[in-house]
Amino acid sequence: MDWYANALVKAVNAEVDFDDGMTVTLHTSGYALSRTVDDYVNDLTNELPSAGGYTVGGIAAGVVARTLTVANSWGVSRAATTAYVLGDVVRPASANGFLYRATNSGTTGAGLPTFPTILGQTVADGGVTWECYGIAIIVLTSANPITWAAATFTGVRYAVLSDRTTGVTSTEPLVLVHDYVTDQAGGGGVFTLNPHPSLGLAHLIIT
């Protein structure tokens, strides 16, 4: 999921309570998403109706934990001849105090690249290019699985995480949004918002 631009400001201002009231709702393409302008729930439109396994108001994400990991302790180390996708974050097998982000999808080479230690610099590694990304990372994870069972609803374009603690839409901050790019449907099975296996719902990089 991607951050709404105002979310971190709201968090610093103590408007976001990651330990209570975090909710995920689904919206159609009729919601004119603006990550730089939208800031509160009253900016949301076109939520799915209560039908087909969905209930207006969404589902509780539970506590959204924030875990800080320094680069040398990051659990994902770069491996040879391994497929990575855009956005994956690794550390060198021989930790050097930095994390690296894949700027494209591809497969790493058989040999070790020389990882740069200046932020923003890149290195080619077989079919993957790694960018020197940061020295630590904060990962957000949801306590509750974000799933809708027996989902027959259609037209899902966006999943939105917001803090519904206050009960007043003009003071409930928008936090994260996932754009499916094309409309999605439940298909009668379980509709799941799958977190990244190592990066969770979202992350912040420390440089």
C-alpha atoms as a PDB file:
ATOM      1  CA  MET A   1       0.000   0.000   0.000  1.00  0.00           C
ATOM      2  CA  ASP A   2       1.099   3.592  -0.596  1.00  0.00           C
ATOM      3  CA  TRP A   3       1.037   6.454   1.862  1.00  0.00           C
ATOM      4  CA  TYR A   4      -1.351   9.349   1.602  1.00  0.00           C
ATOM      5  CA  ALA A   5       0.927  12.389   1.573  1.00  0.00           C
ATOM      6  CA  ASN A   6      -0.706  13.914   4.661  1.00  0.00           C
ATOM      7  CA  ALA A   7      -0.637  10.724   6.730  1.00  0.00           C
ATOM      8  CA  LEU A   8       2.780  11.220   8.298  1.00  0.00           C
ATOM      9  CA  VAL A   9       1.908  14.784   9.265  1.00  0.00           C
ATOM     10  CA  LYS A  10      -1.283  13.480  10.889  1.00  0.00           C
ATOM     11  CA  ALA A  11       0.736  10.823  12.723  1.00  0.00           C
ATOM     12  CA  VAL A  12       3.242  13.367  14.043  1.00  0.00           C
ATOM     13  CA  ASN A  13       0.310  15.532  15.180  1.00  0.00           C
ATOM     14  CA  ALA A  14      -1.028  12.526  17.155  1.00  0.00           C
ATOM     15  CA  GLU A  15      -4.136  12.314  14.964  1.00  0.00           C
ATOM     16  CA  VAL A  16      -3.395   8.736  13.888  1.00  0.00           C
ATOM     17  CA  ASP A  17      -3.796   5.965  16.453  1.00  0.00           C
ATOM     18  CA  PHE A  18      -2.157   2.887  14.959  1.00  0.00           C
ATOM     19  CA  ASP A  19      -3.291   0.869  17.983  1.00  0.00           C
ATOM     20  CA  ASP A  20      -7.028   1.487  17.636  1.00  0.00           C
ATOM     21  CA  GLY A  21      -9.678   2.143  15.023  1.00  0.00           C
ATOM     22  CA  MET A  22      -7.671   1.174  11.943  1.00  0.00           C
ATOM     23  CA  THR A  23     -10.077   0.074   9.215  1.00  0.00           C
ATOM     24  CA  VAL A  24      -9.838  -1.055   5.584  1.00  0.00           C
ATOM     25  CA  THR A  25     -12.569  -0.112   3.120  1.00  0.00           C
ATOM     26  CA  LEU A  26     -12.976  -0.928  -0.563  1.00  0.00           C
ATOM     27  CA  HIS A  27     -13.854   1.640  -3.232  1.00  0.00           C
ATOM     28  CA  THR A  28     -14.696   1.671  -6.922  1.00  0.00           C
ATOM     29  CA  SER A  29     -12.949   3.654  -9.652  1.00  0.00           C
ATOM     30  CA  GLY A  30     -15.544   6.358  -9.025  1.00  0.00           C
ATOM     31  CA  TYR A  31     -13.366   7.519  -6.122  1.00  0.00           C
ATOM     32  CA  ALA A  32     -11.119  10.189  -7.644  1.00  0.00           C
ATOM     33  CA  LEU A  33      -7.995   9.360  -5.654  1.00  0.00           C
ATOM     34  CA  SER A  34      -5.572  12.171  -4.885  1.00  0.00           C
ATOM     35  CA  ARG A  35      -2.830  11.037  -2.533  1.00  0.00           C
ATOM     36  CA  THR A  36      -1.510  14.595  -2.224  1.00  0.00           C
ATOM     37  CA  VAL A  37      -4.860  16.259  -1.468  1.00  0.00           C
ATOM     38  CA  ASP A  38      -7.072  13.710   0.298  1.00  0.00           C
ATOM     39  CA  ASP A  39      -6.470  13.705   4.040  1.00  0.00           C
ATOM     40  CA  TYR A  40      -9.618  12.648   5.940  1.00  0.00           C
ATOM     41  CA  VAL A  41     -12.342  10.048   5.513  1.00  0.00           C
ATOM     42  CA  ASN A  42     -14.789  12.691   4.319  1.00  0.00           C
ATOM     43  CA  ASP A  43     -12.704  12.831   1.107  1.00  0.00           C
ATOM     44  CA  LEU A  44     -13.542   9.204   0.336  1.00  0.00           C
ATOM     45  CA  THR A  45     -16.360   8.394  -2.080  1.00  0.00           C
ATOM     46  CA  ASN A  46     -17.814   5.392  -3.884  1.00  0.00           C
ATOM     47  CA  GLU A  47     -17.337   2.778  -1.189  1.00  0.00           C
ATOM     48  CA  LEU A  48     -18.741  -0.591  -2.190  1.00  0.00           C
ATOM     49  CA  PRO A  49     -22.340  -1.139  -1.039  1.00  0.00           C
ATOM     50  CA  SER A  50     -23.300  -3.723   1.555  1.00  0.00           C
ATOM     51  CA  ALA A  51     -23.695  -6.696  -0.760  1.00  0.00           C
ATOM     52  CA  GLY A  52     -21.827  -9.714  -2.085  1.00  0.00           C
ATOM     53  CA  GLY A  53     -19.883 -10.309   1.126  1.00  0.00           C
ATOM     54  CA  TYR A  54     -18.957  -6.668   1.754  1.00  0.00           C
ATOM     55  CA  THR A  55     -20.364  -4.422   4.492  1.00  0.00           C
ATOM     56  CA  VAL A  56     -20.188  -0.639   4.321  1.00  0.00           C
ATOM     57  CA  GLY A  57     -17.640   0.571   6.847  1.00  0.00           C
ATOM     58  CA  GLY A  58     -15.091  -2.075   5.955  1.00  0.00           C
ATOM     59  CA  ILE A  59     -13.261  -4.376   8.336  1.00  0.00           C
ATOM     60  CA  ALA A  60     -10.990  -3.754  11.302  1.00  0.00           C
ATOM     61  CA  ALA A  61      -7.286  -4.059  10.612  1.00  0.00           C
ATOM     62  CA  GLY A  62      -6.598  -4.328  14.333  1.00  0.00           C
ATOM     63  CA  VAL A  63      -3.408  -2.938  15.783  1.00  0.00           C
ATOM     64  CA  VAL A  64      -1.054  -1.796  13.023  1.00  0.00           C
ATOM     65  CA  ALA A  65       2.348  -2.590  14.483  1.00  0.00           C
ATOM     66  CA  ARG A  66       5.432  -0.540  13.624  1.00  0.00           C
ATOM     67  CA  THR A  67       8.718  -2.431  13.697  1.00  0.00           C
ATOM     68  CA  LEU A  68      12.094  -0.738  13.309  1.00  0.00           C
ATOM     69  CA  THR A  69      14.913  -2.871  11.898  1.00  0.00           C
ATOM     70  CA  VAL A  70      18.449  -1.643  11.292  1.00  0.00           C
ATOM     71  CA  ALA A  71      20.044  -2.671   8.017  1.00  0.00           C
ATOM     72  CA  ASN A  72      22.406  -5.301   9.378  1.00  0.00           C
ATOM     73  CA  SER A  73      19.498  -7.086  11.099  1.00  0.00           C
ATOM     74  CA  TRP A  74      17.163  -7.086   8.073  1.00  0.00           C
ATOM     75  CA  GLY A  75      15.984 -10.644   7.493  1.00  0.00           C
ATOM     76  CA  VAL A  76      16.161 -10.652   3.696  1.00  0.00           C
ATOM     77  CA  SER A  77      19.635 -10.935   2.238  1.00  0.00           C
ATOM     78  CA  ARG A  78      20.459 -10.783  -1.459  1.00  0.00           C
ATOM     79  CA  ALA A  79      20.777 -14.223  -3.048  1.00  0.00           C
ATOM     80  CA  ALA A  80      22.399 -15.259  -6.319  1.00  0.00           C
ATOM     81  CA  THR A  81      20.344 -16.239  -9.399  1.00  0.00           C
ATOM     82  CA  THR A  82      17.135 -15.316  -7.597  1.00  0.00           C
ATOM     83  CA  ALA A  83      14.090 -13.490  -8.953  1.00  0.00           C
ATOM     84  CA  TYR A  84      13.156 -10.188  -7.326  1.00  0.00           C
ATOM     85  CA  VAL A  85      10.379  -7.740  -8.096  1.00  0.00           C
ATOM     86  CA  LEU A  86      10.355  -3.968  -8.211  1.00  0.00           C
ATOM     87  CA  GLY A  87      10.440  -2.588  -4.667  1.00  0.00           C
ATOM     88  CA  ASP A  88      11.962  -5.606  -2.916  1.00  0.00           C
ATOM     89  CA  VAL A  89      14.405  -4.617  -0.165  1.00  0.00           C
ATOM     90  CA  VAL A  90      17.481  -6.640   0.754  1.00  0.00           C
ATOM     91  CA  ARG A  91      20.783  -6.353   2.546  1.00  0.00           C
ATOM     92  CA  PRO A  92      24.043  -7.849   1.250  1.00  0.00           C
ATOM     93  CA  ALA A  93      24.737 -11.357   2.543  1.00  0.00           C
ATOM     94  CA  SER A  94      27.780  -9.782   4.188  1.00  0.00           C
ATOM     95  CA  ALA A  95      25.969  -6.935   5.935  1.00  0.00           C
ATOM     96  CA  ASN A  96      27.471  -3.488   5.356  1.00  0.00           C
ATOM     97  CA  GLY A  97      25.075  -1.201   7.224  1.00  0.00           C
ATOM     98  CA  PHE A  98      22.843  -0.406   4.231  1.00  0.00           C
ATOM     99  CA  LEU A  99      19.636  -1.656   2.662  1.00  0.00           C
ATOM    100  CA  TYR A 100      19.101  -1.895  -1.099  1.00  0.00           C
ATOM    101  CA  ARG A 101      15.899  -1.576  -3.113  1.00  0.00           C
ATOM    102  CA  ALA A 102      15.241  -3.253  -6.456  1.00  0.00           C
ATOM    103  CA  THR A 103      14.463  -0.582  -9.040  1.00  0.00           C
ATOM    104  CA  ASN A 104      13.143  -3.187 -11.484  1.00  0.00           C
ATOM    105  CA  SER A 105      12.050  -6.816 -11.595  1.00  0.00           C
ATOM    106  CA  GLY A 106      14.578  -9.407 -12.673  1.00  0.00           C
ATOM    107  CA  THR A 107      16.955 -12.172 -11.651  1.00  0.00           C
ATOM    108  CA  THR A 108      20.235 -11.574  -9.872  1.00  0.00           C
ATOM    109  CA  GLY A 109      23.557 -12.689 -11.259  1.00  0.00           C
ATOM    110  CA  ALA A 110      25.652 -15.636 -10.116  1.00  0.00           C
ATOM    111  CA  GLY A 111      28.440 -13.440  -8.783  1.00  0.00           C
ATOM    112  CA  LEU A 112      28.425 -10.784  -6.077  1.00  0.00           C
ATOM    113  CA  PRO A 113      27.975  -7.157  -7.119  1.00  0.00           C
ATOM    114  CA  THR A 114      29.906  -4.388  -5.401  1.00  0.00           C
ATOM    115  CA  PHE A 115      27.182  -2.647  -3.416  1.00  0.00           C
ATOM    116  CA  PRO A 116      27.534   1.154  -3.245  1.00  0.00           C
ATOM    117  CA  THR A 117      27.411   2.816   0.176  1.00  0.00           C
ATOM    118  CA  ILE A 118      26.233   6.246  -0.948  1.00  0.00           C
ATOM    119  CA  LEU A 119      22.473   6.714  -0.793  1.00  0.00           C
ATOM    120  CA  GLY A 120      20.837   6.812  -4.205  1.00  0.00           C
ATOM    121  CA  GLN A 121      23.705   5.160  -6.058  1.00  0.00           C
ATOM    122  CA  THR A 122      22.903   1.968  -7.974  1.00  0.00           C
ATOM    123  CA  VAL A 123      24.593  -1.244  -9.066  1.00  0.00           C
ATOM    124  CA  ALA A 124      23.635  -3.781 -11.741  1.00  0.00           C
ATOM    125  CA  ASP A 125      23.282  -7.356 -10.505  1.00  0.00           C
ATOM    126  CA  GLY A 126      22.394  -9.631 -13.404  1.00  0.00           C
ATOM    127  CA  GLY A 127      18.943  -8.455 -14.432  1.00  0.00           C
ATOM    128  CA  VAL A 128      18.307  -6.467 -11.233  1.00  0.00           C
ATOM    129  CA  THR A 129      19.448  -2.960 -10.394  1.00  0.00           C
ATOM    130  CA  TRP A 130      19.872  -2.232  -6.689  1.00  0.00           C
ATOM    131  CA  GLU A 131      19.644   1.280  -5.237  1.00  0.00           C
ATOM    132  CA  CYS A 132      21.365   2.121  -1.952  1.00  0.00           C
ATOM    133  CA  TYR A 133      18.184   2.806  -0.009  1.00  0.00           C
ATOM    134  CA  GLY A 134      18.787   3.503   3.686  1.00  0.00           C
ATOM    135  CA  ILE A 135      20.260   2.444   7.008  1.00  0.00           C
ATOM    136  CA  ALA A 136      17.081   1.215   8.731  1.00  0.00           C
ATOM    137  CA  ILE A 137      13.446   0.507   7.931  1.00  0.00           C
ATOM    138  CA  ILE A 138      10.093   0.739   9.721  1.00  0.00           C
ATOM    139  CA  VAL A 139       7.541  -1.860   8.594  1.00  0.00           C
ATOM    140  CA  LEU A 140       3.803  -1.638   9.267  1.00  0.00           C
ATOM    141  CA  THR A 141       1.895  -4.889   9.776  1.00  0.00           C
ATOM    142  CA  SER A 142      -1.760  -5.534  10.538  1.00  0.00           C
ATOM    143  CA  ALA A 143      -2.781  -7.691  13.486  1.00  0.00           C
ATOM    144  CA  ASN A 144      -5.887  -8.904  11.646  1.00  0.00           C
ATOM    145  CA  PRO A 145      -5.984 -10.637   8.256  1.00  0.00           C
ATOM    146  CA  ILE A 146      -7.659  -8.290   5.781  1.00  0.00           C
ATOM    147  CA  THR A 147     -10.013 -10.702   4.030  1.00  0.00           C
ATOM    148  CA  TRP A 148     -13.618 -10.911   2.902  1.00  0.00           C
ATOM    149  CA  ALA A 149     -15.039 -14.429   2.736  1.00  0.00           C
ATOM    150  CA  ALA A 150     -17.473 -15.658   0.067  1.00  0.00           C
ATOM    151  CA  ALA A 151     -16.889 -12.416  -1.813  1.00  0.00           C
ATOM    152  CA  THR A 152     -19.024 -11.957  -4.918  1.00  0.00           C
ATOM    153  CA  PHE A 153     -18.659  -8.182  -5.077  1.00  0.00           C
ATOM    154  CA  THR A 154     -17.128  -6.564  -8.167  1.00  0.00           C
ATOM    155  CA  GLY A 155     -15.576  -3.269  -9.228  1.00  0.00           C
ATOM    156  CA  VAL A 156     -12.892  -2.978  -6.537  1.00  0.00           C
ATOM    157  CA  ARG A 157     -10.304  -0.416  -7.581  1.00  0.00           C
ATOM    158  CA  TYR A 158      -8.956   0.857  -4.237  1.00  0.00           C
ATOM    159  CA  ALA A 159      -8.371  -0.480  -0.735  1.00  0.00           C
ATOM    160  CA  VAL A 160      -7.999   2.279   1.860  1.00  0.00           C
ATOM    161  CA  LEU A 161      -6.625   2.098   5.405  1.00  0.00           C
ATOM    162  CA  SER A 162      -7.916   4.865   7.645  1.00  0.00           C
ATOM    163  CA  ASP A 163      -8.188   5.629  11.347  1.00  0.00           C
ATOM    164  CA  ARG A 164     -11.887   5.611  12.314  1.00  0.00           C
ATOM    165  CA  THR A 165     -11.313   6.293  16.020  1.00  0.00           C
ATOM    166  CA  THR A 166     -13.166   9.605  16.337  1.00  0.00           C
ATOM    167  CA  GLY A 167     -16.364   8.623  14.527  1.00  0.00           C
ATOM    168  CA  VAL A 168     -16.329  11.994  12.748  1.00  0.00           C
ATOM    169  CA  THR A 169     -15.302  11.668   9.099  1.00  0.00           C
ATOM    170  CA  SER A 170     -13.766  15.150   8.953  1.00  0.00           C
ATOM    171  CA  THR A 171     -11.264  14.220  11.679  1.00  0.00           C
ATOM    172  CA  GLU A 172     -10.487  10.615  10.718  1.00  0.00           C
ATOM    173  CA  PRO A 173      -7.141  10.494   8.871  1.00  0.00           C
ATOM    174  CA  LEU A 174      -6.512   8.559   5.679  1.00  0.00           C
ATOM    175  CA  VAL A 175      -3.290   6.568   6.040  1.00  0.00           C
ATOM    176  CA  LEU A 176      -2.644   4.108   3.188  1.00  0.00           C
ATOM    177  CA  VAL A 177      -4.177   3.237  -0.168  1.00  0.00           C
ATOM    178  CA  HIS A 178      -3.694   0.378  -2.606  1.00  0.00           C
ATOM    179  CA  ASP A 179      -4.547   0.999  -6.262  1.00  0.00           C
ATOM    180  CA  TYR A 180      -5.361  -2.254  -8.051  1.00  0.00           C
ATOM    181  CA  VAL A 181      -4.984  -0.375 -11.374  1.00  0.00           C
ATOM    182  CA  THR A 182      -7.819  -2.426 -12.879  1.00  0.00           C
ATOM    183  CA  ASP A 183     -11.151  -3.408 -11.338  1.00  0.00           C
ATOM    184  CA  GLN A 184     -11.061  -6.544  -9.193  1.00  0.00           C
ATOM    185  CA  ALA A 185     -13.811  -8.974  -8.170  1.00  0.00           C
ATOM    186  CA  GLY A 186     -14.302 -11.486  -5.389  1.00  0.00           C
ATOM    187  CA  GLY A 187     -15.179 -14.363  -7.692  1.00  0.00           C
ATOM    188  CA  GLY A 188     -17.091 -16.113  -4.915  1.00  0.00           C
ATOM    189  CA  GLY A 189     -13.996 -16.998  -2.901  1.00  0.00           C
ATOM    190  CA  VAL A 190     -11.911 -15.124  -0.352  1.00  0.00           C
ATOM    191  CA  PHE A 191     -10.899 -11.596  -1.354  1.00  0.00           C
ATOM    192  CA  THR A 192      -7.641 -10.745   0.403  1.00  0.00           C
ATOM    193  CA  LEU A 193      -5.442  -7.688   0.675  1.00  0.00           C
ATOM    194  CA  ASN A 194      -2.089  -9.448   0.719  1.00  0.00           C
ATOM    195  CA  PRO A 195       0.757  -7.655   2.508  1.00  0.00           C
ATOM    196  CA  HIS A 196       4.274  -7.877   1.102  1.00  0.00           C
ATOM    197  CA  PRO A 197       6.008 -10.855   2.797  1.00  0.00           C
ATOM    198  CA  SER A 198       8.783  -8.697   4.255  1.00  0.00           C
ATOM    199  CA  LEU A 199       7.554  -5.108   3.776  1.00  0.00           C
ATOM    200  CA  GLY A 200       4.091  -5.603   5.304  1.00  0.00           C
ATOM    201  CA  LEU A 201       1.302  -3.163   4.515  1.00  0.00           C
ATOM    202  CA  ALA A 202       3.770  -0.318   4.004  1.00  0.00           C
ATOM    203  CA  HIS A 203       7.176   0.853   5.125  1.00  0.00           C
ATOM    204  CA  LEU A 204       9.271   3.911   5.875  1.00  0.00           C
ATOM    205  CA  ILE A 205      12.950   3.997   5.051  1.00  0.00           C
ATOM    206  CA  ILE A 206      15.427   5.721   7.379  1.00  0.00           C
ATOM    207  CA  THR A 207      18.304   7.404   5.558  1.00  0.00           C
END
